[in-house]
Protein backbone atom coordinates (compact mmCIF):
# COMPACT_ATOMS: atom_id res chain seq x y z
CA MET A 1 122.77 143.93 87.61
CA THR A 2 125.93 142.21 89.03
CA SER A 3 125.86 139.27 91.42
CA VAL A 4 129.39 139.19 92.16
CA PRO A 5 129.93 139.86 95.80
CA ILE A 6 131.44 142.96 97.25
CA ASN A 7 134.37 142.28 99.69
CA VAL A 8 133.24 138.48 99.76
CA PRO A 9 135.36 135.73 98.14
CA GLY A 10 134.16 133.10 95.83
CA GLY A 11 130.27 132.78 94.54
CA ALA A 12 131.23 132.95 90.86
CA ASP A 13 130.74 129.33 90.02
CA ARG A 14 128.80 127.78 93.03
CA CYS A 15 126.71 128.82 95.99
CA LEU A 16 128.60 130.08 98.99
CA VAL A 17 128.56 128.59 102.48
CA MET A 18 127.94 130.79 105.48
CA GLY A 19 128.82 129.10 108.65
CA VAL A 20 127.07 130.07 111.83
CA VAL A 21 128.76 131.35 115.12
CA ASN A 22 126.37 132.10 117.96
CA VAL A 23 127.78 134.29 120.58
CA THR A 24 124.78 133.53 122.54
CA PRO A 25 123.78 131.50 125.52
CA ASP A 26 120.22 130.87 124.14
CA SER A 27 120.28 130.23 120.36
CA PHE A 28 117.70 127.58 119.35
CA SER A 29 120.23 125.07 117.52
CA ASP A 30 123.46 125.37 119.66
CA GLY A 31 123.00 127.96 122.57
CA GLY A 32 125.83 128.24 124.89
CA LEU A 33 128.16 126.22 122.90
CA TRP A 34 130.04 129.29 121.60
CA PHE A 35 129.14 131.90 124.28
CA ASP A 36 132.68 131.99 125.22
CA GLU A 37 134.87 134.43 123.26
CA ALA A 38 137.69 131.92 122.83
CA ALA A 39 135.32 129.20 121.83
CA ALA A 40 133.60 131.38 119.52
CA ILE A 41 136.79 132.36 117.70
CA ARG A 42 138.17 128.77 117.73
CA HIS A 43 134.66 127.62 116.13
CA GLY A 44 134.99 130.38 113.55
CA LEU A 45 138.11 129.21 112.29
CA GLU A 46 137.26 125.61 112.29
CA LEU A 47 134.09 126.50 110.17
CA VAL A 48 136.55 127.90 107.70
CA GLN A 49 138.83 124.71 107.86
CA GLU A 50 135.73 122.85 106.92
CA GLY A 51 134.83 124.86 103.87
CA ALA A 52 132.92 128.08 105.14
CA ASP A 53 133.41 131.05 102.54
CA LEU A 54 131.66 133.38 105.11
CA VAL A 55 131.58 132.88 109.10
CA ASP A 56 128.26 134.84 110.45
CA VAL A 57 128.89 136.11 113.92
CA GLY A 58 125.81 137.02 115.95
CA GLY A 59 125.29 138.10 119.34
CA GLU A 60 121.36 138.29 119.78
CA SER A 61 119.18 135.03 119.47
CA THR A 62 116.27 135.50 117.28
CA ARG A 63 114.60 132.15 117.96
CA PRO A 64 110.78 132.57 118.59
CA GLY A 65 110.13 134.11 121.91
CA ALA A 66 113.73 135.34 122.40
CA ALA A 67 114.11 138.59 124.39
CA ARG A 68 116.37 141.26 123.11
CA VAL A 69 119.75 142.06 124.65
CA SER A 70 121.43 145.36 125.21
CA LEU A 71 123.26 147.36 122.61
CA GLU A 72 126.31 146.99 124.96
CA GLU A 73 125.95 143.42 125.56
CA GLU A 74 125.71 142.95 121.81
CA LEU A 75 128.65 144.86 120.96
CA ALA A 76 130.59 143.07 124.07
CA ARG A 77 129.72 139.51 122.55
CA VAL A 78 130.39 140.17 118.58
CA ILE A 79 133.26 142.77 118.23
CA PRO A 80 136.06 140.96 119.94
CA VAL A 81 135.41 137.77 117.94
CA ILE A 82 134.92 139.72 114.54
CA ARG A 83 138.01 141.53 115.32
CA ALA A 84 140.07 138.21 115.93
CA LEU A 85 138.53 136.27 112.88
CA ASP A 86 139.40 139.02 110.74
CA ALA A 87 142.88 139.29 111.99
CA GLU A 88 143.14 135.81 110.82
CA GLY A 89 141.92 136.52 107.29
CA VAL A 90 138.44 134.80 107.79
CA PRO A 91 135.57 136.63 105.87
CA VAL A 92 133.33 137.45 108.43
CA SER A 93 129.56 138.60 108.43
CA VAL A 94 127.62 140.17 111.18
CA ASP A 95 124.16 139.01 112.33
CA THR A 96 122.66 142.25 113.71
CA MET A 97 119.48 144.30 113.49
CA ARG A 98 121.27 147.22 115.08
CA ALA A 99 122.93 149.85 113.23
CA GLU A 100 125.49 150.80 115.82
CA VAL A 101 126.60 147.10 116.01
CA ALA A 102 126.90 146.94 112.13
CA LYS A 103 128.98 150.06 111.72
CA ALA A 104 131.18 148.77 114.73
CA ALA A 105 131.31 145.31 113.11
CA VAL A 106 132.33 146.61 109.86
CA GLU A 107 135.03 148.71 111.38
CA ALA A 108 136.23 145.51 113.12
CA GLY A 109 136.47 143.73 109.66
CA ALA A 110 133.15 142.47 108.80
CA ARG A 111 132.39 142.22 105.38
CA LEU A 112 128.59 141.68 105.19
CA VAL A 113 125.63 142.88 107.37
CA ASN A 114 123.08 140.16 107.93
CA ASP A 115 120.12 142.01 109.19
CA VAL A 116 117.06 139.75 109.61
CA SER A 117 114.82 142.69 110.09
CA GLY A 118 115.61 144.15 106.66
CA GLY A 119 116.02 147.59 108.24
CA LEU A 120 112.62 147.60 109.92
CA ALA A 121 114.09 147.16 113.51
CA ASP A 122 116.37 150.13 113.26
CA PRO A 123 115.71 152.82 110.66
CA GLU A 124 119.33 153.83 110.63
CA MET A 125 120.54 150.58 109.33
CA PRO A 126 120.33 151.39 105.52
CA ARG A 127 122.08 154.64 105.77
CA VAL A 128 124.85 152.76 107.81
CA VAL A 129 125.37 150.18 105.42
CA ALA A 130 125.26 152.41 102.38
CA ALA A 131 128.15 154.43 103.91
CA THR A 132 130.09 151.24 104.62
CA GLY A 133 129.70 149.75 100.97
CA VAL A 134 129.37 146.06 102.28
CA ARG A 135 126.93 143.67 101.20
CA TYR A 136 123.58 143.92 103.04
CA VAL A 137 121.24 141.07 103.62
CA VAL A 138 117.71 142.07 103.74
CA MET A 139 115.65 139.38 104.95
CA HIS A 140 111.55 139.12 104.96
CA TRP A 141 110.59 140.09 108.33
CA ARG A 142 107.36 141.03 110.19
CA GLY A 143 107.99 141.37 113.77
CA HIS A 144 110.46 140.83 116.49
CA SER A 145 110.92 137.34 118.06
CA HIS A 146 108.32 137.71 120.92
CA ASP A 147 105.36 137.98 118.62
CA MET A 148 106.41 136.92 115.11
CA GLU A 149 104.44 133.79 115.21
CA THR A 150 101.03 135.67 115.21
CA ARG A 151 102.20 137.34 112.09
CA ALA A 152 102.36 134.07 109.97
CA VAL A 153 99.16 134.96 108.09
CA TYR A 154 99.23 134.71 104.39
CA THR A 155 96.83 134.31 101.32
CA ASP A 156 99.69 133.45 99.00
CA VAL A 157 102.86 133.17 100.84
CA VAL A 158 105.32 133.55 97.94
CA THR A 159 103.54 136.48 96.29
CA GLU A 160 103.41 138.32 99.68
CA VAL A 161 106.90 137.69 100.64
CA ARG A 162 108.01 138.66 97.28
CA GLU A 163 105.94 141.96 97.28
CA GLU A 164 107.13 142.74 100.85
CA LEU A 165 110.88 142.23 99.99
CA SER A 166 110.43 144.35 96.93
CA LYS A 167 109.16 147.07 98.90
CA ARG A 168 112.06 146.57 101.54
CA VAL A 169 114.50 146.96 98.42
CA ASP A 170 112.76 150.42 97.43
CA LEU A 171 113.11 151.91 100.80
CA VAL A 172 116.82 150.74 101.33
CA LEU A 173 117.68 152.13 98.00
CA ALA A 174 116.10 155.39 98.83
CA GLU A 175 118.38 155.38 101.73
CA GLY A 176 121.46 155.09 99.47
CA VAL A 177 122.26 151.23 99.60
CA THR A 178 123.31 150.35 95.85
CA GLU A 179 121.74 147.42 94.01
CA GLU A 180 125.20 145.66 94.07
CA GLN A 181 125.14 145.61 97.78
CA ILE A 182 121.63 143.81 98.28
CA VAL A 183 121.26 140.17 99.01
CA LEU A 184 117.76 138.94 99.76
CA ASP A 185 116.77 136.48 102.28
CA PRO A 186 113.12 134.96 102.34
CA GLY A 187 113.48 134.47 106.22
CA LEU A 188 112.19 130.79 106.64
CA GLY A 189 110.97 130.43 110.03
CA PHE A 190 110.31 134.01 110.54
CA ALA A 191 106.62 134.65 110.66
CA LYS A 192 106.13 131.66 108.72
CA ASN A 193 105.03 127.94 109.72
CA ALA A 194 106.15 124.83 108.35
CA GLU A 195 103.64 125.05 105.38
CA HIS A 196 104.69 128.42 104.29
CA ASN A 197 108.42 127.57 104.45
CA TRP A 198 108.12 124.64 102.00
CA ALA A 199 106.20 127.02 99.64
CA VAL A 200 108.84 129.68 100.00
CA LEU A 201 111.42 127.04 99.01
CA ALA A 202 109.46 125.88 95.95
CA GLY A 203 109.09 129.39 95.12
CA LEU A 204 112.65 130.43 95.02
CA PRO A 205 112.42 131.06 91.18
CA GLN A 206 109.87 133.54 91.82
CA LEU A 207 111.85 135.37 94.47
CA ALA A 208 114.86 135.28 92.26
CA ASP A 209 113.20 137.11 89.60
CA LEU A 210 113.28 140.45 91.80
CA GLY A 211 116.85 140.24 90.30
CA TYR A 212 119.19 140.24 93.66
CA PRO A 213 121.20 137.24 95.02
CA LEU A 214 119.36 134.93 97.38
CA LEU A 215 120.45 133.69 100.77
CA VAL A 216 118.69 130.63 101.92
CA GLY A 217 119.01 129.71 105.85
CA ALA A 218 117.14 126.60 106.46
CA SER A 219 119.75 125.01 108.90
CA ARG A 220 118.19 122.96 111.94
CA LYS A 221 115.03 125.01 111.68
CA ARG A 222 111.87 123.57 113.44
CA PHE A 223 109.87 123.00 109.92
CA LEU A 224 112.68 120.27 109.28
CA GLY A 225 112.55 118.66 112.66
CA ARG A 226 108.58 118.23 112.31
CA LEU A 227 109.06 116.74 108.95
CA LEU A 228 111.26 113.98 110.59
CA ALA A 229 109.23 113.54 113.61
CA ASP A 230 108.95 110.25 115.22
CA PRO A 231 105.85 108.16 114.87
CA ASP A 232 104.42 109.41 118.03
CA GLY A 233 104.84 113.06 116.73
CA THR A 234 108.02 114.05 118.46
CA PRO A 235 109.82 116.21 116.61
CA ARG A 236 113.44 115.32 115.25
CA PRO A 237 116.04 117.40 117.89
CA PHE A 238 117.63 120.41 116.11
CA ASP A 239 121.15 118.75 115.86
CA ARG A 240 119.82 115.73 114.20
CA SER A 241 118.18 117.54 111.23
CA ASP A 242 121.37 118.21 109.80
CA ASP A 243 120.84 115.56 106.86
CA ALA A 244 117.51 117.44 105.85
CA THR A 245 119.44 120.45 105.97
CA LEU A 246 121.82 118.92 103.36
CA ALA A 247 119.01 118.12 101.13
CA VAL A 248 117.65 121.87 101.10
CA THR A 249 121.09 123.18 101.01
CA ALA A 250 121.76 120.91 97.42
CA LEU A 251 118.26 121.89 96.07
CA ALA A 252 118.48 125.45 96.88
CA ALA A 253 122.20 125.68 95.45
CA HIS A 254 120.67 123.89 92.39
CA ALA A 255 118.00 126.54 92.21
CA GLY A 256 120.23 129.51 92.02
CA ALA A 257 120.93 130.42 95.68
CA TRP A 258 123.85 132.83 96.04
CA CYS A 259 124.53 131.64 99.50
CA VAL A 260 123.40 128.98 102.31
CA ARG A 261 123.67 129.58 106.05
CA VAL A 262 124.47 126.36 107.82
CA HIS A 263 125.64 125.01 111.08
CA GLU A 264 127.35 122.18 110.03
CA VAL A 265 129.80 123.37 107.33
CA GLY A 266 131.50 120.38 105.91
CA PRO A 267 128.78 118.44 104.59
CA ASN A 268 126.98 121.42 103.42
CA ALA A 269 130.18 122.70 101.36
CA ASP A 270 130.24 119.32 99.65
CA ALA A 271 126.49 119.51 98.89
CA VAL A 272 127.00 123.09 97.22
CA ARG A 273 129.93 121.42 94.95
CA VAL A 274 127.59 118.59 94.04
CA ALA A 275 124.87 120.98 92.91
CA ALA A 276 127.29 123.32 91.00
CA ALA A 277 128.58 120.13 89.15
CA TRP A 278 125.30 118.87 88.36
CA LYS A 279 124.42 122.41 86.86
CA ARG A 280 127.43 122.63 84.97
CA ALA A 281 126.77 119.13 83.42
CA GLY A 282 123.27 120.35 82.64
CA ALA A 283 124.56 123.51 80.86
CA ASN A 284 126.90 121.38 78.77
CA THR A 285 124.14 119.08 77.37
């Protein structure tokens, strides 16, 4: 099975870096900063200058408790940004759970569909992705944001995530998606508490045994802020957990992750290069 990206540059000798552009007013880490179309486009271009291999454009917040936006609103948020970035030669992915948005995004230039529901939120998604031929990120998911925290119940989180992802892969393959299109995401923070997230990260080798590239999205998530909490228990703010994100990026890249999804691109791009050099040196000794 190949791990070479389809319509996505790089990745042969190091982990890719996916920069985040949230075209939303309510995303957990930077809600509202890039909600304006011009600001979102400008930010996407800046992320590429900082070293992003891909720019992930999303128009719907998936933070815990977030309400869904309408199809029309999501399209209006992301399609102009994707089209403008593609016109500048930026490799773009679309962060969406809706097949109609994915289809329109690919037509506008997106090269990858990043579906946090793994096709569960919209049964049409696998068929649409199969028809486009672009990369498809299938994430481990147990439900929408409004109730996903109640679903964070596991006996063995790594084993269960692996089994549930394997079932999703079988189902999307049955809908026509090819093995070469598939990327897996263990879904850090989605129906998982801090203990679950750390176990999943430690278990990346078991997830990699499924035979597909892995995308890791730990950037600024709450489990990092809680790890770095003040002595009184106050969690570290999202935008002050970037150093911890760097540590996860380096470790995930060294463990063989295909891509990391991050908010602060420059330092993370450096981290994956360090991890790549470390692995090369190890291979030569």
